[in-house]
Amino acid sequence: MLTKSVMLTGDRIQEVVDDAVSRGRMTRTDAEDLVARLISLGRQQTEDIIGDLEQLLGRGASTSGDRVLQRVDRARRAVGIGTFPILGYDDLSASQVVDRLSDLTPAQLRKVRDHEKRNANRKSILQAIERKLK
């Protein structure tokens, strides 16, 4: 059996369910329960996929593997999983980190900058972050 995955944001799910409520096809309580359950299941599935990818590819094991993990990072941030913006950050080289900065918001860039300053303090990463924050 082939299983297909889709990615929907919580906002899109809420929008569809709100439409069903406004049309009288569902109660507000049922809608809220459905949205909460779908988001919970989506987060669990994303965590499972991330775990499988990390196991399959290893952290930073190859260039193609790194591109896949960058996409996983984007998806993970989109659904709100995890607190740090870059998956496996401490295992990445400076160039790998710099490559992943382009998709980050200013708040996420500041979080990465603060972590980097407290830990490895790599100048190339800190300079790249400062350029993006300007």
N, C-alpha and C. Protein backbone atom coordinates (compact mmCIF):
# COMPACT_ATOMS: atom_id res chain seq x y z
N MET A 1 0.83 -1.17 0.00
CA MET A 1 0.00 0.00 0.00
C MET A 1 0.88 1.25 0.00
N LEU A 2 0.61 2.17 -0.89
CA LEU A 2 1.36 3.41 -1.00
C LEU A 2 0.68 4.47 -0.15
N THR A 3 1.43 5.06 0.75
CA THR A 3 0.89 6.11 1.60
C THR A 3 1.40 7.45 1.10
N LYS A 4 0.49 8.37 0.89
CA LYS A 4 0.86 9.71 0.44
C LYS A 4 0.71 10.67 1.60
N SER A 5 1.61 11.62 1.65
CA SER A 5 1.53 12.64 2.70
C SER A 5 1.23 13.98 2.06
N VAL A 6 0.54 14.81 2.80
CA VAL A 6 0.29 16.19 2.38
C VAL A 6 0.65 17.09 3.54
N MET A 7 0.96 18.33 3.22
CA MET A 7 1.27 19.27 4.27
C MET A 7 0.25 20.40 4.21
N LEU A 8 -0.46 20.59 5.29
CA LEU A 8 -1.42 21.68 5.43
C LEU A 8 -1.07 22.45 6.69
N THR A 9 -1.17 23.76 6.63
CA THR A 9 -0.94 24.55 7.84
C THR A 9 -2.18 24.50 8.71
N GLY A 10 -1.99 24.79 9.98
CA GLY A 10 -3.11 24.86 10.90
C GLY A 10 -4.14 25.90 10.45
N ASP A 11 -3.67 26.99 9.87
CA ASP A 11 -4.58 28.04 9.38
C ASP A 11 -5.49 27.51 8.28
N ARG A 12 -4.94 26.72 7.36
CA ARG A 12 -5.74 26.17 6.26
C ARG A 12 -6.78 25.18 6.78
N ILE A 13 -6.37 24.35 7.72
CA ILE A 13 -7.32 23.40 8.31
C ILE A 13 -8.44 24.16 9.01
N GLN A 14 -8.07 25.17 9.79
CA GLN A 14 -9.05 25.98 10.51
C GLN A 14 -10.01 26.66 9.52
N GLU A 15 -9.49 27.16 8.43
CA GLU A 15 -10.31 27.84 7.41
C GLU A 15 -11.38 26.91 6.83
N VAL A 16 -10.98 25.70 6.49
CA VAL A 16 -11.92 24.73 5.92
C VAL A 16 -12.99 24.33 6.94
N VAL A 17 -12.56 24.10 8.16
CA VAL A 17 -13.51 23.69 9.20
C VAL A 17 -14.45 24.84 9.56
N ASP A 18 -13.92 26.07 9.61
CA ASP A 18 -14.78 27.22 9.87
C ASP A 18 -15.84 27.36 8.79
N ASP A 19 -15.48 27.09 7.55
CA ASP A 19 -16.45 27.13 6.46
C ASP A 19 -17.55 26.09 6.67
N ALA A 20 -17.18 24.90 7.10
CA ALA A 20 -18.17 23.85 7.36
C ALA A 20 -19.12 24.27 8.49
N VAL A 21 -18.58 24.93 9.51
CA VAL A 21 -19.41 25.40 10.62
C VAL A 21 -20.36 26.49 10.13
N SER A 22 -19.84 27.43 9.35
CA SER A 22 -20.70 28.52 8.87
C SER A 22 -21.81 28.02 7.96
N ARG A 23 -21.61 26.90 7.29
CA ARG A 23 -22.63 26.31 6.43
C ARG A 23 -23.58 25.39 7.21
N GLY A 24 -23.34 25.24 8.51
CA GLY A 24 -24.20 24.41 9.33
C GLY A 24 -23.97 22.92 9.18
N ARG A 25 -22.83 22.54 8.65
CA ARG A 25 -22.54 21.12 8.44
C ARG A 25 -21.82 20.48 9.62
N MET A 26 -21.43 21.33 10.58
CA MET A 26 -20.66 20.84 11.72
C MET A 26 -20.84 21.83 12.87
N THR A 27 -20.83 21.32 14.10
CA THR A 27 -20.92 22.22 15.25
C THR A 27 -19.55 22.81 15.54
N ARG A 28 -19.53 23.94 16.22
CA ARG A 28 -18.26 24.59 16.58
C ARG A 28 -17.42 23.67 17.47
N THR A 29 -18.04 22.99 18.41
CA THR A 29 -17.31 22.08 19.31
C THR A 29 -16.67 20.94 18.52
N ASP A 30 -17.45 20.33 17.60
CA ASP A 30 -16.90 19.27 16.76
C ASP A 30 -15.74 19.79 15.91
N ALA A 31 -15.90 21.00 15.40
CA ALA A 31 -14.86 21.61 14.56
C ALA A 31 -13.57 21.80 15.35
N GLU A 32 -13.68 22.34 16.56
CA GLU A 32 -12.49 22.56 17.39
C GLU A 32 -11.81 21.25 17.73
N ASP A 33 -12.60 20.22 18.04
CA ASP A 33 -12.03 18.90 18.34
C ASP A 33 -11.31 18.32 17.12
N LEU A 34 -11.92 18.48 15.95
CA LEU A 34 -11.34 17.96 14.71
C LEU A 34 -10.02 18.66 14.39
N VAL A 35 -10.00 19.98 14.49
CA VAL A 35 -8.77 20.74 14.21
C VAL A 35 -7.66 20.33 15.16
N ALA A 36 -7.97 20.24 16.44
CA ALA A 36 -6.95 19.86 17.43
C ALA A 36 -6.39 18.46 17.13
N ARG A 37 -7.25 17.55 16.78
CA ARG A 37 -6.83 16.17 16.48
C ARG A 37 -5.97 16.11 15.22
N LEU A 38 -6.40 16.82 14.17
CA LEU A 38 -5.64 16.82 12.92
C LEU A 38 -4.25 17.43 13.11
N ILE A 39 -4.17 18.51 13.86
CA ILE A 39 -2.87 19.14 14.10
C ILE A 39 -1.98 18.22 14.93
N SER A 40 -2.55 17.58 15.93
CA SER A 40 -1.78 16.64 16.75
C SER A 40 -1.25 15.48 15.90
N LEU A 41 -2.10 14.92 15.08
CA LEU A 41 -1.67 13.81 14.21
C LEU A 41 -0.62 14.27 13.21
N GLY A 42 -0.78 15.47 12.66
CA GLY A 42 0.19 16.01 11.71
C GLY A 42 1.55 16.21 12.34
N ARG A 43 1.56 16.73 13.55
CA ARG A 43 2.84 16.93 14.25
C ARG A 43 3.53 15.60 14.52
N GLN A 44 2.75 14.61 14.96
CA GLN A 44 3.34 13.30 15.23
C GLN A 44 3.90 12.69 13.95
N GLN A 45 3.17 12.80 12.86
CA GLN A 45 3.63 12.24 11.60
C GLN A 45 4.90 12.94 11.13
N THR A 46 4.96 14.26 11.30
CA THR A 46 6.15 15.02 10.91
C THR A 46 7.34 14.59 11.76
N GLU A 47 7.14 14.44 13.05
CA GLU A 47 8.23 13.98 13.92
C GLU A 47 8.72 12.60 13.49
N ASP A 48 7.81 11.72 13.12
CA ASP A 48 8.19 10.39 12.66
C ASP A 48 9.01 10.47 11.37
N ILE A 49 8.57 11.32 10.45
CA ILE A 49 9.29 11.47 9.17
C ILE A 49 10.68 12.04 9.41
N ILE A 50 10.77 13.04 10.28
CA ILE A 50 12.08 13.63 10.59
C ILE A 50 13.01 12.57 11.18
N GLY A 51 12.49 11.78 12.10
CA GLY A 51 13.29 10.72 12.70
C GLY A 51 13.76 9.71 11.67
N ASP A 52 12.85 9.32 10.77
CA ASP A 52 13.22 8.38 9.72
C ASP A 52 14.28 8.96 8.80
N LEU A 53 14.14 10.23 8.43
CA LEU A 53 15.13 10.87 7.55
C LEU A 53 16.48 10.99 8.22
N GLU A 54 16.47 11.38 9.50
CA GLU A 54 17.75 11.48 10.21
C GLU A 54 18.44 10.12 10.27
N GLN A 55 17.68 9.08 10.52
CA GLN A 55 18.26 7.75 10.60
C GLN A 55 18.77 7.30 9.23
N LEU A 56 17.99 7.57 8.19
CA LEU A 56 18.37 7.17 6.85
C LEU A 56 19.58 7.92 6.33
N LEU A 57 19.60 9.23 6.55
CA LEU A 57 20.64 10.07 5.95
C LEU A 57 21.81 10.35 6.88
N GLY A 58 21.57 10.30 8.16
CA GLY A 58 22.59 10.76 9.09
C GLY A 58 22.63 12.28 9.01
N ARG A 59 23.02 12.92 10.05
CA ARG A 59 23.05 14.38 10.07
C ARG A 59 24.21 14.89 9.24
N GLY A 60 23.89 15.62 8.16
CA GLY A 60 24.91 16.23 7.32
C GLY A 60 25.76 15.22 6.58
N ALA A 61 25.23 14.04 6.31
CA ALA A 61 26.04 12.97 5.71
C ALA A 61 26.45 13.26 4.29
N SER A 62 25.61 13.98 3.54
CA SER A 62 25.94 14.23 2.14
C SER A 62 25.26 15.51 1.69
N THR A 63 25.67 16.00 0.52
CA THR A 63 25.06 17.20 -0.03
C THR A 63 23.59 16.98 -0.32
N SER A 64 23.22 15.88 -0.96
CA SER A 64 21.82 15.63 -1.25
C SER A 64 21.05 15.39 0.04
N GLY A 65 21.66 14.72 0.98
CA GLY A 65 21.02 14.51 2.27
C GLY A 65 20.81 15.83 2.99
N ASP A 66 21.77 16.73 2.86
CA ASP A 66 21.65 18.04 3.49
C ASP A 66 20.49 18.82 2.89
N ARG A 67 20.30 18.72 1.57
CA ARG A 67 19.16 19.42 0.92
C ARG A 67 17.84 18.86 1.43
N VAL A 68 17.78 17.57 1.62
CA VAL A 68 16.55 16.95 2.13
C VAL A 68 16.29 17.46 3.55
N LEU A 69 17.33 17.50 4.38
CA LEU A 69 17.15 17.98 5.74
C LEU A 69 16.77 19.45 5.78
N GLN A 70 17.24 20.26 4.81
CA GLN A 70 16.82 21.65 4.74
C GLN A 70 15.31 21.73 4.48
N ARG A 71 14.83 20.89 3.60
CA ARG A 71 13.39 20.87 3.32
C ARG A 71 12.60 20.39 4.54
N VAL A 72 13.16 19.42 5.23
CA VAL A 72 12.51 18.94 6.45
C VAL A 72 12.44 20.08 7.47
N ASP A 73 13.52 20.85 7.58
CA ASP A 73 13.52 21.99 8.50
C ASP A 73 12.38 22.96 8.16
N ARG A 74 12.24 23.27 6.87
CA ARG A 74 11.16 24.18 6.45
C ARG A 74 9.80 23.64 6.84
N ALA A 75 9.59 22.36 6.57
CA ALA A 75 8.30 21.75 6.90
C ALA A 75 8.07 21.72 8.41
N ARG A 76 9.11 21.41 9.14
CA ARG A 76 9.01 21.35 10.60
C ARG A 76 8.65 22.72 11.18
N ARG A 77 9.28 23.77 10.66
CA ARG A 77 8.96 25.12 11.14
C ARG A 77 7.55 25.51 10.74
N ALA A 78 7.11 25.10 9.57
CA ALA A 78 5.76 25.46 9.09
C ALA A 78 4.67 24.89 9.99
N VAL A 79 4.90 23.71 10.53
CA VAL A 79 3.88 23.11 11.40
C VAL A 79 4.16 23.33 12.88
N GLY A 80 5.23 24.06 13.19
CA GLY A 80 5.49 24.43 14.57
C GLY A 80 6.08 23.35 15.44
N ILE A 81 6.89 22.48 14.86
CA ILE A 81 7.53 21.42 15.65
C ILE A 81 8.94 21.85 16.01
N GLY A 82 9.26 21.69 17.27
CA GLY A 82 10.60 22.02 17.74
C GLY A 82 10.72 23.49 18.10
N THR A 83 11.74 23.80 18.88
CA THR A 83 11.92 25.18 19.32
C THR A 83 13.11 25.85 18.65
N PHE A 84 14.07 25.07 18.16
CA PHE A 84 15.23 25.67 17.51
C PHE A 84 15.05 25.58 16.00
N PRO A 85 15.35 26.65 15.27
CA PRO A 85 15.02 26.71 13.84
C PRO A 85 15.76 25.74 12.92
N ILE A 86 16.92 25.25 13.31
CA ILE A 86 17.71 24.40 12.41
C ILE A 86 17.95 23.05 13.07
N LEU A 87 17.43 22.02 12.43
CA LEU A 87 17.55 20.65 12.92
C LEU A 87 19.01 20.20 12.93
N GLY A 88 19.46 19.63 14.03
CA GLY A 88 20.82 19.09 14.13
C GLY A 88 21.89 20.15 14.04
N TYR A 89 21.58 21.35 14.48
CA TYR A 89 22.47 22.52 14.31
C TYR A 89 23.90 22.25 14.77
N ASP A 90 24.07 21.72 15.93
CA ASP A 90 25.42 21.56 16.50
C ASP A 90 26.27 20.55 15.75
N ASP A 91 25.65 19.74 14.89
CA ASP A 91 26.41 18.77 14.10
C ASP A 91 26.74 19.28 12.69
N LEU A 92 26.29 20.49 12.36
CA LEU A 92 26.49 21.02 11.02
C LEU A 92 27.77 21.83 10.92
N SER A 93 28.34 21.83 9.73
CA SER A 93 29.50 22.69 9.47
C SER A 93 29.02 24.13 9.32
N ALA A 94 29.95 25.07 9.37
CA ALA A 94 29.58 26.48 9.23
C ALA A 94 28.91 26.73 7.88
N SER A 95 29.43 26.14 6.82
CA SER A 95 28.83 26.36 5.49
C SER A 95 27.42 25.77 5.41
N GLN A 96 27.19 24.65 6.06
CA GLN A 96 25.84 24.07 6.07
C GLN A 96 24.87 24.98 6.82
N VAL A 97 25.32 25.56 7.91
CA VAL A 97 24.47 26.49 8.67
C VAL A 97 24.16 27.71 7.82
N VAL A 98 25.17 28.30 7.21
CA VAL A 98 24.96 29.50 6.38
C VAL A 98 23.96 29.21 5.26
N ASP A 99 24.04 28.03 4.66
CA ASP A 99 23.10 27.66 3.60
C ASP A 99 21.66 27.62 4.10
N ARG A 100 21.47 27.32 5.37
CA ARG A 100 20.12 27.18 5.92
C ARG A 100 19.55 28.49 6.46
N LEU A 101 20.31 29.54 6.49
CA LEU A 101 19.83 30.81 7.05
C LEU A 101 18.80 31.52 6.18
N SER A 102 18.81 31.24 4.89
CA SER A 102 17.97 32.01 3.96
C SER A 102 16.48 31.88 4.23
N ASP A 103 16.03 30.80 4.81
CA ASP A 103 14.60 30.59 5.04
C ASP A 103 14.13 31.07 6.41
N LEU A 104 15.02 31.63 7.20
CA LEU A 104 14.67 31.98 8.58
C LEU A 104 14.13 33.40 8.70
N THR A 105 13.22 33.56 9.63
CA THR A 105 12.68 34.88 9.95
C THR A 105 13.72 35.64 10.79
N PRO A 106 13.57 36.96 10.92
CA PRO A 106 14.50 37.70 11.78
C PRO A 106 14.55 37.16 13.21
N ALA A 107 13.41 36.79 13.77
CA ALA A 107 13.41 36.23 15.13
C ALA A 107 14.19 34.92 15.19
N GLN A 108 14.04 34.08 14.19
CA GLN A 108 14.77 32.81 14.15
C GLN A 108 16.26 33.06 13.95
N LEU A 109 16.61 34.04 13.12
CA LEU A 109 18.01 34.39 12.93
C LEU A 109 18.64 34.85 14.24
N ARG A 110 17.92 35.65 15.01
CA ARG A 110 18.45 36.10 16.31
C ARG A 110 18.64 34.92 17.26
N LYS A 111 17.72 33.97 17.22
CA LYS A 111 17.84 32.78 18.08
C LYS A 111 19.09 31.98 17.71
N VAL A 112 19.33 31.81 16.40
CA VAL A 112 20.53 31.09 15.94
C VAL A 112 21.78 31.88 16.33
N ARG A 113 21.76 33.20 16.13
CA ARG A 113 22.91 34.04 16.48
C ARG A 113 23.25 33.91 17.97
N ASP A 114 22.25 33.98 18.82
CA ASP A 114 22.49 33.89 20.27
C ASP A 114 23.08 32.53 20.64
N HIS A 115 22.54 31.47 20.04
CA HIS A 115 23.06 30.12 20.31
C HIS A 115 24.51 30.02 19.83
N GLU A 116 24.77 30.52 18.63
CA GLU A 116 26.13 30.45 18.07
C GLU A 116 27.12 31.22 18.95
N LYS A 117 26.73 32.40 19.41
CA LYS A 117 27.62 33.19 20.27
C LYS A 117 27.93 32.46 21.57
N ARG A 118 26.94 31.77 22.13
CA ARG A 118 27.14 31.05 23.40
C ARG A 118 27.94 29.77 23.23
N ASN A 119 28.02 29.25 22.02
CA ASN A 119 28.65 27.94 21.82
C ASN A 119 29.89 28.05 20.94
N ALA A 120 29.80 27.70 19.67
CA ALA A 120 30.99 27.63 18.81
C ALA A 120 31.53 29.00 18.43
N ASN A 121 30.67 30.03 18.39
CA ASN A 121 31.07 31.40 18.08
C ASN A 121 31.83 31.50 16.75
N ARG A 122 31.29 30.85 15.71
CA ARG A 122 31.92 30.85 14.39
C ARG A 122 31.63 32.16 13.67
N LYS A 123 32.71 32.86 13.32
CA LYS A 123 32.58 34.20 12.73
C LYS A 123 31.83 34.19 11.40
N SER A 124 32.03 33.18 10.57
CA SER A 124 31.35 33.15 9.27
C SER A 124 29.83 33.08 9.44
N ILE A 125 29.39 32.35 10.42
CA ILE A 125 27.95 32.24 10.67
C ILE A 125 27.42 33.55 11.24
N LEU A 126 28.12 34.10 12.22
CA LEU A 126 27.67 35.35 12.84
C LEU A 126 27.63 36.48 11.82
N GLN A 127 28.62 36.55 10.94
CA GLN A 127 28.63 37.59 9.90
C GLN A 127 27.47 37.40 8.92
N ALA A 128 27.21 36.16 8.54
CA ALA A 128 26.10 35.89 7.61
C ALA A 128 24.76 36.28 8.23
N ILE A 129 24.60 36.00 9.51
CA ILE A 129 23.35 36.37 10.20
C ILE A 129 23.21 37.89 10.24
N GLU A 130 24.28 38.57 10.59
CA GLU A 130 24.20 40.04 10.67
C GLU A 130 23.85 40.64 9.30
N ARG A 131 24.41 40.09 8.22
CA ARG A 131 24.05 40.58 6.87
C ARG A 131 22.57 40.39 6.59
N LYS A 132 22.02 39.27 7.00
CA LYS A 132 20.61 38.99 6.75
C LYS A 132 19.69 39.85 7.62
N LEU A 133 20.16 40.24 8.80
CA LEU A 133 19.34 41.04 9.69
C LEU A 133 19.34 42.52 9.30
N LYS A 134 20.23 42.94 8.45
CA LYS A 134 20.29 44.37 8.05
C LYS A 134 19.22 44.69 7.05
